[in-house]
């Protein structure tokens, strides 16, 4: 064992003992990726709720209930679709070795997602007073918030005030 703290065998090194916990060294990375996905989805949901609330109030005041209902349905459907997509793809990428024998699972899930989404959209537009412009606005709100949440933040410099 080396006495240098940067050596992996040294007790003060961050990776000391990592092989004992996970022989592949992947569990820490997987936990970090899951936490990052959860934080990202939480941020997207919060931003969508905030922006969607403001847009819905403005739409109600200016254009009425039908457009507001469209905004709410569009944002809810897109947020649910986005959440499922991030979860499914995140798990598939994280556990790629588990999907090797079942190569059809992910493509079938992604292919079935679109017809289900389109049927729900058709039902919303056919049987509710929601306006299509509102649905499109709701979709755009989620896309904007997802992009905003994914944008890199400027790093905070230590020592500056």
N, C-alpha and C. Protein backbone atom coordinates (compact mmCIF):
# COMPACT_ATOMS: atom_id res chain seq x y z
N UNK A 1 0.84 -1.18 0.00
CA UNK A 1 0.00 0.00 0.00
C UNK A 1 0.88 1.24 0.00
N UNK A 2 0.47 2.21 -0.77
CA UNK A 2 1.23 3.45 -0.88
C UNK A 2 0.80 4.43 0.22
N UNK A 3 1.75 5.26 0.65
CA UNK A 3 1.45 6.27 1.66
C UNK A 3 0.99 7.58 1.02
N UNK A 4 0.97 7.65 -0.29
CA UNK A 4 0.57 8.87 -0.98
C UNK A 4 -0.95 8.94 -1.04
N UNK A 5 -1.59 10.07 -0.60
CA UNK A 5 -3.06 10.15 -0.54
C UNK A 5 -3.76 10.06 -1.89
N UNK A 6 -3.03 10.28 -2.99
CA UNK A 6 -3.68 10.19 -4.30
C UNK A 6 -3.67 8.77 -4.86
N UNK A 7 -3.02 7.85 -4.19
CA UNK A 7 -3.00 6.46 -4.62
C UNK A 7 -4.32 5.80 -4.24
N UNK A 8 -4.94 5.03 -5.14
CA UNK A 8 -6.25 4.43 -4.85
C UNK A 8 -6.28 3.52 -3.64
N UNK A 9 -5.15 2.99 -3.22
CA UNK A 9 -5.10 2.11 -2.06
C UNK A 9 -5.05 2.87 -0.74
N UNK A 10 -4.76 4.17 -0.81
CA UNK A 10 -4.66 4.98 0.41
C UNK A 10 -6.05 5.19 1.01
N UNK A 11 -6.21 5.08 2.34
CA UNK A 11 -7.53 5.22 2.97
C UNK A 11 -8.21 6.56 2.74
N UNK A 12 -7.46 7.63 2.45
CA UNK A 12 -8.05 8.95 2.23
C UNK A 12 -8.46 9.19 0.78
N UNK A 13 -8.15 8.28 -0.12
CA UNK A 13 -8.51 8.44 -1.53
C UNK A 13 -10.01 8.20 -1.70
N UNK A 14 -10.71 9.03 -2.53
CA UNK A 14 -12.17 8.87 -2.67
C UNK A 14 -12.61 7.51 -3.19
N UNK A 15 -11.77 6.84 -3.97
CA UNK A 15 -12.14 5.53 -4.52
C UNK A 15 -11.66 4.36 -3.67
N UNK A 16 -11.09 4.64 -2.52
CA UNK A 16 -10.61 3.56 -1.66
C UNK A 16 -11.79 2.68 -1.23
N UNK A 17 -11.68 1.41 -1.50
CA UNK A 17 -12.72 0.46 -1.12
C UNK A 17 -13.87 0.37 -2.10
N UNK A 18 -13.81 1.09 -3.21
CA UNK A 18 -14.92 1.06 -4.17
C UNK A 18 -15.07 -0.32 -4.79
N UNK A 19 -13.95 -1.01 -5.02
CA UNK A 19 -14.02 -2.34 -5.62
C UNK A 19 -14.66 -3.34 -4.67
N UNK A 20 -14.54 -3.10 -3.37
CA UNK A 20 -15.16 -4.01 -2.42
C UNK A 20 -16.68 -3.89 -2.44
N UNK A 21 -17.20 -2.68 -2.69
CA UNK A 21 -18.65 -2.47 -2.72
C UNK A 21 -19.26 -2.93 -4.04
N UNK A 22 -18.59 -2.66 -5.14
CA UNK A 22 -19.10 -3.02 -6.45
C UNK A 22 -17.93 -3.46 -7.32
N UNK A 23 -17.84 -4.76 -7.64
CA UNK A 23 -16.69 -5.23 -8.40
C UNK A 23 -16.56 -4.56 -9.77
N UNK A 24 -17.68 -4.09 -10.34
CA UNK A 24 -17.61 -3.43 -11.64
C UNK A 24 -17.34 -1.93 -11.51
N UNK A 25 -17.46 -1.38 -10.31
CA UNK A 25 -17.24 0.04 -10.11
C UNK A 25 -18.35 0.91 -10.69
N UNK A 26 -19.51 0.32 -11.00
CA UNK A 26 -20.58 1.05 -11.67
C UNK A 26 -21.67 1.56 -10.75
N UNK A 27 -21.78 1.01 -9.56
CA UNK A 27 -22.93 1.36 -8.71
C UNK A 27 -22.93 2.84 -8.34
N UNK A 28 -21.77 3.39 -8.05
CA UNK A 28 -21.68 4.81 -7.71
C UNK A 28 -22.09 5.68 -8.90
N UNK A 29 -21.64 5.30 -10.09
CA UNK A 29 -22.00 6.04 -11.30
C UNK A 29 -23.49 5.93 -11.58
N UNK A 30 -24.06 4.74 -11.39
CA UNK A 30 -25.50 4.56 -11.61
C UNK A 30 -26.32 5.39 -10.65
N UNK A 31 -25.92 5.39 -9.39
CA UNK A 31 -26.65 6.19 -8.39
C UNK A 31 -26.55 7.67 -8.72
N UNK A 32 -25.40 8.10 -9.16
CA UNK A 32 -25.22 9.50 -9.54
C UNK A 32 -26.08 9.85 -10.76
N UNK A 33 -26.14 8.96 -11.73
CA UNK A 33 -26.95 9.20 -12.93
C UNK A 33 -28.44 9.24 -12.57
N UNK A 34 -28.88 8.33 -11.70
CA UNK A 34 -30.29 8.34 -11.27
C UNK A 34 -30.64 9.63 -10.54
N UNK A 35 -29.73 10.08 -9.68
CA UNK A 35 -29.96 11.32 -8.94
C UNK A 35 -30.01 12.52 -9.89
N UNK A 36 -29.14 12.53 -10.88
CA UNK A 36 -29.13 13.63 -11.85
C UNK A 36 -30.42 13.64 -12.67
N UNK A 37 -30.88 12.44 -13.09
CA UNK A 37 -32.15 12.37 -13.84
C UNK A 37 -33.32 12.84 -12.98
N UNK A 38 -33.34 12.42 -11.72
CA UNK A 38 -34.43 12.83 -10.82
C UNK A 38 -34.42 14.34 -10.61
N UNK A 39 -33.24 14.91 -10.40
CA UNK A 39 -33.15 16.36 -10.23
C UNK A 39 -33.60 17.09 -11.49
N UNK A 40 -33.18 16.57 -12.64
CA UNK A 40 -33.56 17.19 -13.91
C UNK A 40 -35.07 17.15 -14.10
N UNK A 41 -35.68 15.99 -13.88
CA UNK A 41 -37.12 15.87 -14.05
C UNK A 41 -37.87 16.74 -13.04
N UNK A 42 -37.37 16.82 -11.83
CA UNK A 42 -37.99 17.69 -10.82
C UNK A 42 -37.92 19.14 -11.26
N UNK A 43 -36.78 19.57 -11.78
CA UNK A 43 -36.64 20.95 -12.26
C UNK A 43 -37.56 21.24 -13.44
N UNK A 44 -37.65 20.30 -14.36
CA UNK A 44 -38.54 20.47 -15.51
C UNK A 44 -39.99 20.59 -15.03
N UNK A 45 -40.38 19.74 -14.09
CA UNK A 45 -41.75 19.79 -13.56
C UNK A 45 -42.05 21.10 -12.86
N UNK A 46 -41.12 21.57 -12.06
CA UNK A 46 -41.32 22.84 -11.35
C UNK A 46 -41.42 24.01 -12.32
N UNK A 47 -40.49 24.04 -13.28
CA UNK A 47 -40.52 25.13 -14.25
C UNK A 47 -41.79 25.09 -15.09
N UNK A 48 -42.20 23.88 -15.49
CA UNK A 48 -43.42 23.75 -16.28
C UNK A 48 -44.63 24.22 -15.48
N UNK A 49 -44.68 23.86 -14.21
CA UNK A 49 -45.79 24.30 -13.37
C UNK A 49 -45.82 25.83 -13.25
N UNK A 50 -44.66 26.43 -13.03
CA UNK A 50 -44.61 27.89 -12.87
C UNK A 50 -44.96 28.61 -14.17
N UNK A 51 -44.29 28.24 -15.25
CA UNK A 51 -44.55 28.90 -16.54
C UNK A 51 -45.98 28.57 -17.01
N UNK A 52 -46.40 27.32 -16.85
CA UNK A 52 -47.75 26.93 -17.26
C UNK A 52 -48.82 27.67 -16.50
N UNK A 53 -48.61 27.91 -15.21
CA UNK A 53 -49.58 28.66 -14.41
C UNK A 53 -49.72 30.09 -14.93
N UNK A 54 -48.59 30.74 -15.17
CA UNK A 54 -48.62 32.12 -15.67
C UNK A 54 -49.30 32.18 -17.04
N UNK A 55 -48.92 31.27 -17.94
CA UNK A 55 -49.50 31.26 -19.29
C UNK A 55 -50.99 30.91 -19.22
N UNK A 56 -51.36 29.98 -18.35
CA UNK A 56 -52.77 29.60 -18.23
C UNK A 56 -53.63 30.77 -17.72
N UNK A 57 -53.12 31.49 -16.75
CA UNK A 57 -53.87 32.65 -16.24
C UNK A 57 -54.01 33.71 -17.33
N UNK A 58 -52.93 33.99 -18.03
CA UNK A 58 -53.00 34.97 -19.12
C UNK A 58 -53.94 34.49 -20.23
N UNK A 59 -53.87 33.20 -20.57
CA UNK A 59 -54.74 32.67 -21.62
C UNK A 59 -56.20 32.76 -21.20
N UNK A 60 -56.48 32.49 -19.94
CA UNK A 60 -57.86 32.56 -19.46
C UNK A 60 -58.38 34.00 -19.53
N UNK A 61 -57.54 34.94 -19.10
CA UNK A 61 -57.96 36.33 -19.10
C UNK A 61 -58.15 36.89 -20.51
N UNK A 62 -57.28 36.48 -21.42
CA UNK A 62 -57.31 37.07 -22.77
C UNK A 62 -58.17 36.24 -23.74
N UNK A 63 -58.05 34.91 -23.71
CA UNK A 63 -58.70 34.08 -24.73
C UNK A 63 -59.81 33.19 -24.21
N UNK A 64 -59.91 33.00 -22.91
CA UNK A 64 -61.00 32.21 -22.37
C UNK A 64 -60.59 30.80 -21.95
N UNK A 65 -61.62 30.08 -21.52
CA UNK A 65 -61.43 28.76 -20.91
C UNK A 65 -60.90 27.71 -21.89
N UNK A 66 -61.36 27.71 -23.13
CA UNK A 66 -61.00 26.66 -24.09
C UNK A 66 -59.49 26.63 -24.36
N UNK A 67 -58.90 27.81 -24.52
CA UNK A 67 -57.46 27.85 -24.76
C UNK A 67 -56.69 27.43 -23.50
N UNK A 68 -57.18 27.86 -22.34
CA UNK A 68 -56.54 27.48 -21.09
C UNK A 68 -56.57 25.97 -20.89
N UNK A 69 -57.71 25.36 -21.19
CA UNK A 69 -57.82 23.90 -21.08
C UNK A 69 -56.84 23.21 -22.03
N UNK A 70 -56.68 23.75 -23.22
CA UNK A 70 -55.71 23.21 -24.17
C UNK A 70 -54.28 23.31 -23.64
N UNK A 71 -53.94 24.44 -23.03
CA UNK A 71 -52.60 24.61 -22.45
C UNK A 71 -52.36 23.56 -21.37
N UNK A 72 -53.35 23.38 -20.50
CA UNK A 72 -53.19 22.43 -19.39
C UNK A 72 -53.05 21.01 -19.93
N UNK A 73 -53.93 20.60 -20.87
CA UNK A 73 -53.84 19.25 -21.44
C UNK A 73 -52.53 19.05 -22.20
N UNK A 74 -52.13 20.02 -23.00
CA UNK A 74 -50.89 19.89 -23.77
C UNK A 74 -49.67 19.78 -22.89
N UNK A 75 -49.62 20.61 -21.85
CA UNK A 75 -48.47 20.56 -20.93
C UNK A 75 -48.47 19.25 -20.14
N UNK A 76 -49.63 18.82 -19.67
CA UNK A 76 -49.70 17.58 -18.88
C UNK A 76 -49.30 16.37 -19.72
N UNK A 77 -49.83 16.27 -20.94
CA UNK A 77 -49.50 15.13 -21.81
C UNK A 77 -48.02 15.13 -22.16
N UNK A 78 -47.49 16.28 -22.49
CA UNK A 78 -46.08 16.35 -22.88
C UNK A 78 -45.16 16.09 -21.71
N UNK A 79 -45.51 16.61 -20.54
CA UNK A 79 -44.68 16.36 -19.36
C UNK A 79 -44.68 14.87 -19.00
N UNK A 80 -45.84 14.24 -19.05
CA UNK A 80 -45.91 12.80 -18.78
C UNK A 80 -45.11 12.01 -19.82
N UNK A 81 -45.25 12.37 -21.08
CA UNK A 81 -44.51 11.72 -22.15
C UNK A 81 -43.00 11.90 -21.95
N UNK A 82 -42.59 13.11 -21.62
CA UNK A 82 -41.18 13.41 -21.40
C UNK A 82 -40.63 12.64 -20.20
N UNK A 83 -41.41 12.61 -19.11
CA UNK A 83 -41.00 11.90 -17.91
C UNK A 83 -40.80 10.41 -18.21
N UNK A 84 -41.75 9.80 -18.92
CA UNK A 84 -41.63 8.37 -19.27
C UNK A 84 -40.42 8.13 -20.18
N UNK A 85 -40.22 9.02 -21.12
CA UNK A 85 -39.09 8.87 -22.04
C UNK A 85 -37.75 8.93 -21.31
N UNK A 86 -37.60 9.90 -20.41
CA UNK A 86 -36.35 10.02 -19.66
C UNK A 86 -36.15 8.80 -18.77
N UNK A 87 -37.20 8.33 -18.11
CA UNK A 87 -37.07 7.17 -17.24
C UNK A 87 -36.71 5.91 -18.03
N UNK A 88 -37.43 5.65 -19.12
CA UNK A 88 -37.19 4.43 -19.91
C UNK A 88 -35.81 4.44 -20.54
N UNK A 89 -35.47 5.54 -21.20
CA UNK A 89 -34.15 5.60 -21.85
C UNK A 89 -33.02 5.63 -20.82
N UNK A 90 -33.23 6.30 -19.70
CA UNK A 90 -32.21 6.32 -18.66
C UNK A 90 -31.92 4.94 -18.11
N UNK A 91 -32.98 4.19 -17.85
CA UNK A 91 -32.80 2.82 -17.35
C UNK A 91 -32.15 1.94 -18.41
N UNK A 92 -32.55 2.11 -19.67
CA UNK A 92 -31.98 1.29 -20.74
C UNK A 92 -30.49 1.56 -20.91
N UNK A 93 -30.11 2.82 -20.86
CA UNK A 93 -28.69 3.16 -21.00
C UNK A 93 -27.91 2.71 -19.78
N UNK A 94 -28.52 2.87 -18.61
CA UNK A 94 -27.84 2.50 -17.37
C UNK A 94 -27.64 0.99 -17.27
N UNK A 95 -28.60 0.24 -17.73
CA UNK A 95 -28.53 -1.23 -17.61
C UNK A 95 -28.53 -1.88 -18.99
N UNK A 96 -27.63 -1.42 -19.84
CA UNK A 96 -27.59 -1.91 -21.21
C UNK A 96 -27.36 -3.42 -21.27
N UNK A 97 -26.61 -3.96 -20.31
CA UNK A 97 -26.36 -5.40 -20.33
C UNK A 97 -27.62 -6.21 -20.07
N UNK A 98 -28.59 -5.64 -19.35
CA UNK A 98 -29.86 -6.34 -19.10
C UNK A 98 -30.74 -6.41 -20.34
N UNK A 99 -30.55 -5.48 -21.28
CA UNK A 99 -31.38 -5.43 -22.48
C UNK A 99 -30.79 -6.22 -23.65
N UNK A 100 -29.63 -6.77 -23.47
CA UNK A 100 -28.98 -7.46 -24.58
C UNK A 100 -29.79 -8.65 -25.10
N UNK A 101 -30.38 -9.44 -24.23
CA UNK A 101 -31.16 -10.59 -24.67
C UNK A 101 -32.56 -10.22 -25.12
N UNK A 102 -33.02 -9.03 -24.75
CA UNK A 102 -34.37 -8.59 -25.09
C UNK A 102 -34.29 -7.32 -25.92
N UNK A 103 -33.72 -7.42 -27.09
CA UNK A 103 -33.49 -6.24 -27.91
C UNK A 103 -34.80 -5.62 -28.40
N UNK A 104 -35.90 -6.32 -28.33
CA UNK A 104 -37.17 -5.81 -28.84
C UNK A 104 -37.90 -4.93 -27.83
N UNK A 105 -37.55 -5.01 -26.55
CA UNK A 105 -38.33 -4.32 -25.50
C UNK A 105 -38.33 -2.81 -25.70
N UNK A 106 -37.18 -2.20 -25.81
CA UNK A 106 -37.10 -0.76 -25.91
C UNK A 106 -37.73 -0.23 -27.20
N UNK A 107 -37.40 -0.77 -28.38
CA UNK A 107 -38.04 -0.25 -29.60
C UNK A 107 -39.56 -0.40 -29.58
N UNK A 108 -40.07 -1.51 -29.07
CA UNK A 108 -41.52 -1.70 -29.02
C UNK A 108 -42.15 -0.69 -28.07
N UNK A 109 -41.53 -0.46 -26.93
CA UNK A 109 -42.07 0.52 -25.98
C UNK A 109 -42.09 1.91 -26.59
N UNK A 110 -41.03 2.27 -27.29
CA UNK A 110 -40.99 3.59 -27.91
C UNK A 110 -41.95 3.69 -29.09
N UNK A 111 -42.15 2.61 -29.83
CA UNK A 111 -43.10 2.64 -30.94
C UNK A 111 -44.55 2.70 -30.46
N UNK A 112 -44.86 2.03 -29.36
CA UNK A 112 -46.22 2.06 -28.84
C UNK A 112 -46.56 3.39 -28.18
N UNK A 113 -45.54 4.08 -27.72
CA UNK A 113 -45.76 5.36 -27.04
C UNK A 113 -46.41 6.38 -27.97
N UNK A 114 -46.01 6.42 -29.22
CA UNK A 114 -46.54 7.41 -30.15
C UNK A 114 -48.01 7.20 -30.49
N UNK A 115 -48.44 5.99 -30.85
CA UNK A 115 -49.87 5.83 -31.11
C UNK A 115 -50.73 6.12 -29.89
N UNK A 116 -50.28 5.73 -28.71
CA UNK A 116 -51.05 6.01 -27.49
C UNK A 116 -51.14 7.52 -27.28
N UNK A 117 -50.03 8.23 -27.46
CA UNK A 117 -50.04 9.68 -27.31
C UNK A 117 -50.98 10.33 -28.31
N UNK A 118 -50.96 9.87 -29.54
CA UNK A 118 -51.83 10.45 -30.57
C UNK A 118 -53.30 10.14 -30.32
N UNK A 119 -53.61 8.96 -29.82
CA UNK A 119 -55.00 8.62 -29.49
C UNK A 119 -55.49 9.51 -28.35
N UNK A 120 -54.68 9.69 -27.32
CA UNK A 120 -55.06 10.57 -26.21
C UNK A 120 -55.25 12.00 -26.71
N UNK A 121 -54.37 12.46 -27.57
CA UNK A 121 -54.49 13.80 -28.13
C UNK A 121 -55.78 13.93 -28.94
N UNK A 122 -56.09 12.94 -29.74
CA UNK A 122 -57.32 12.97 -30.54
C UNK A 122 -58.55 12.98 -29.63
N UNK A 123 -58.53 12.20 -28.56
CA UNK A 123 -59.66 12.17 -27.63
C UNK A 123 -59.83 13.52 -26.93
N UNK A 124 -58.72 14.12 -26.53
CA UNK A 124 -58.78 15.43 -25.88
C UNK A 124 -59.37 16.47 -26.83
N UNK A 125 -58.89 16.49 -28.05
CA UNK A 125 -59.36 17.50 -29.00
C UNK A 125 -60.79 17.23 -29.48
N UNK A 126 -61.18 15.98 -29.52
CA UNK A 126 -62.53 15.64 -30.00
C UNK A 126 -63.60 15.82 -28.93
N UNK A 127 -63.31 15.42 -27.70
CA UNK A 127 -64.35 15.35 -26.68
C UNK A 127 -64.24 16.40 -25.57
N UNK A 128 -63.32 17.32 -25.67
CA UNK A 128 -63.25 18.41 -24.70
C UNK A 128 -63.28 19.73 -25.47
N UNK A 129 -63.58 20.81 -24.80
CA UNK A 129 -63.57 22.11 -25.49
C UNK A 129 -62.17 22.69 -25.69
N UNK A 130 -61.13 21.92 -25.40
CA UNK A 130 -59.76 22.41 -25.53
C UNK A 130 -59.45 22.79 -26.97
N UNK A 131 -58.78 23.91 -27.14
CA UNK A 131 -58.41 24.37 -28.48
C UNK A 131 -57.02 23.84 -28.84
N UNK A 132 -56.83 23.48 -30.10
CA UNK A 132 -55.53 22.94 -30.54
C UNK A 132 -54.38 23.91 -30.31
N UNK A 133 -54.65 25.22 -30.45
CA UNK A 133 -53.58 26.20 -30.22
C UNK A 133 -53.09 26.13 -28.78
N UNK A 134 -54.01 25.89 -27.87
CA UNK A 134 -53.63 25.76 -26.46
C UNK A 134 -52.78 24.52 -26.21
N UNK A 135 -53.16 23.42 -26.87
CA UNK A 135 -52.39 22.18 -26.73
C UNK A 135 -50.97 22.40 -27.24
N UNK A 136 -50.85 23.05 -28.38
CA UNK A 136 -49.52 23.32 -28.93
C UNK A 136 -48.73 24.22 -27.99
N UNK A 137 -49.39 25.21 -27.42
CA UNK A 137 -48.73 26.09 -26.47
C UNK A 137 -48.25 25.31 -25.23
N UNK A 138 -49.07 24.38 -24.75
CA UNK A 138 -48.67 23.54 -23.62
C UNK A 138 -47.46 22.68 -23.95
N UNK A 139 -47.44 22.12 -25.15
CA UNK A 139 -46.29 21.32 -25.59
C UNK A 139 -45.03 22.19 -25.63
N UNK A 140 -45.16 23.38 -26.18
CA UNK A 140 -44.01 24.27 -26.28
C UNK A 140 -43.50 24.71 -24.90
N UNK A 141 -44.41 24.87 -23.95
CA UNK A 141 -43.99 25.23 -22.59
C UNK A 141 -43.08 24.15 -22.01
N UNK A 142 -43.48 22.89 -22.16
CA UNK A 142 -42.66 21.79 -21.62
C UNK A 142 -41.32 21.72 -22.35
N UNK A 143 -41.32 21.85 -23.66
CA UNK A 143 -40.06 21.82 -24.41
C UNK A 143 -39.13 22.96 -24.00
N UNK A 144 -39.69 24.14 -23.81
CA UNK A 144 -38.90 25.28 -23.36
C UNK A 144 -38.32 25.02 -21.97
N UNK A 145 -39.15 24.52 -21.07
CA UNK A 145 -38.68 24.27 -19.69
C UNK A 145 -37.66 23.14 -19.65
N UNK A 146 -37.83 22.11 -20.47
CA UNK A 146 -36.85 21.02 -20.52
C UNK A 146 -35.51 21.52 -21.04
N UNK A 147 -35.56 22.38 -22.06
CA UNK A 147 -34.32 22.95 -22.59
C UNK A 147 -33.66 23.87 -21.57
N UNK A 148 -34.48 24.65 -20.90
CA UNK A 148 -33.98 25.58 -19.90
C UNK A 148 -33.34 24.82 -18.73
N UNK A 149 -33.96 23.74 -18.31
CA UNK A 149 -33.41 22.94 -17.21
C UNK A 149 -32.12 22.24 -17.60
N UNK A 150 -31.96 21.93 -18.88
CA UNK A 150 -30.77 21.23 -19.35
C UNK A 150 -29.62 22.18 -19.68
N UNK A 151 -29.91 23.47 -19.78
CA UNK A 151 -28.87 24.43 -20.15
C UNK A 151 -27.80 24.49 -19.06
N UNK A 152 -26.55 24.57 -19.48
CA UNK A 152 -25.48 24.64 -18.48
C UNK A 152 -25.55 25.95 -17.70
N UNK A 153 -25.28 25.85 -16.43
CA UNK A 153 -25.28 27.01 -15.55
C UNK A 153 -23.84 27.52 -15.41
N UNK A 154 -23.68 28.83 -15.32
CA UNK A 154 -22.33 29.34 -15.08
C UNK A 154 -21.85 28.87 -13.71
N UNK A 155 -20.61 28.44 -13.68
CA UNK A 155 -20.07 27.94 -12.42
C UNK A 155 -19.81 29.11 -11.48
N UNK A 156 -20.01 28.84 -10.20
CA UNK A 156 -19.77 29.86 -9.18
C UNK A 156 -18.29 29.81 -8.82
N UNK A 157 -17.67 30.93 -8.91
CA UNK A 157 -16.25 31.00 -8.55
C UNK A 157 -16.11 31.09 -7.05
N UNK A 158 -15.20 30.32 -6.53
CA UNK A 158 -14.95 30.38 -5.10
C UNK A 158 -14.10 31.61 -4.79
N UNK A 159 -14.48 32.28 -3.74
CA UNK A 159 -13.71 33.45 -3.33
C UNK A 159 -14.23 34.74 -3.90
N UNK A 160 -15.12 34.71 -4.90
CA UNK A 160 -15.66 35.95 -5.44
C UNK A 160 -16.95 36.30 -4.74
N UNK A 161 -17.24 37.58 -4.64
CA UNK A 161 -18.47 38.02 -3.97
C UNK A 161 -19.40 38.73 -4.87
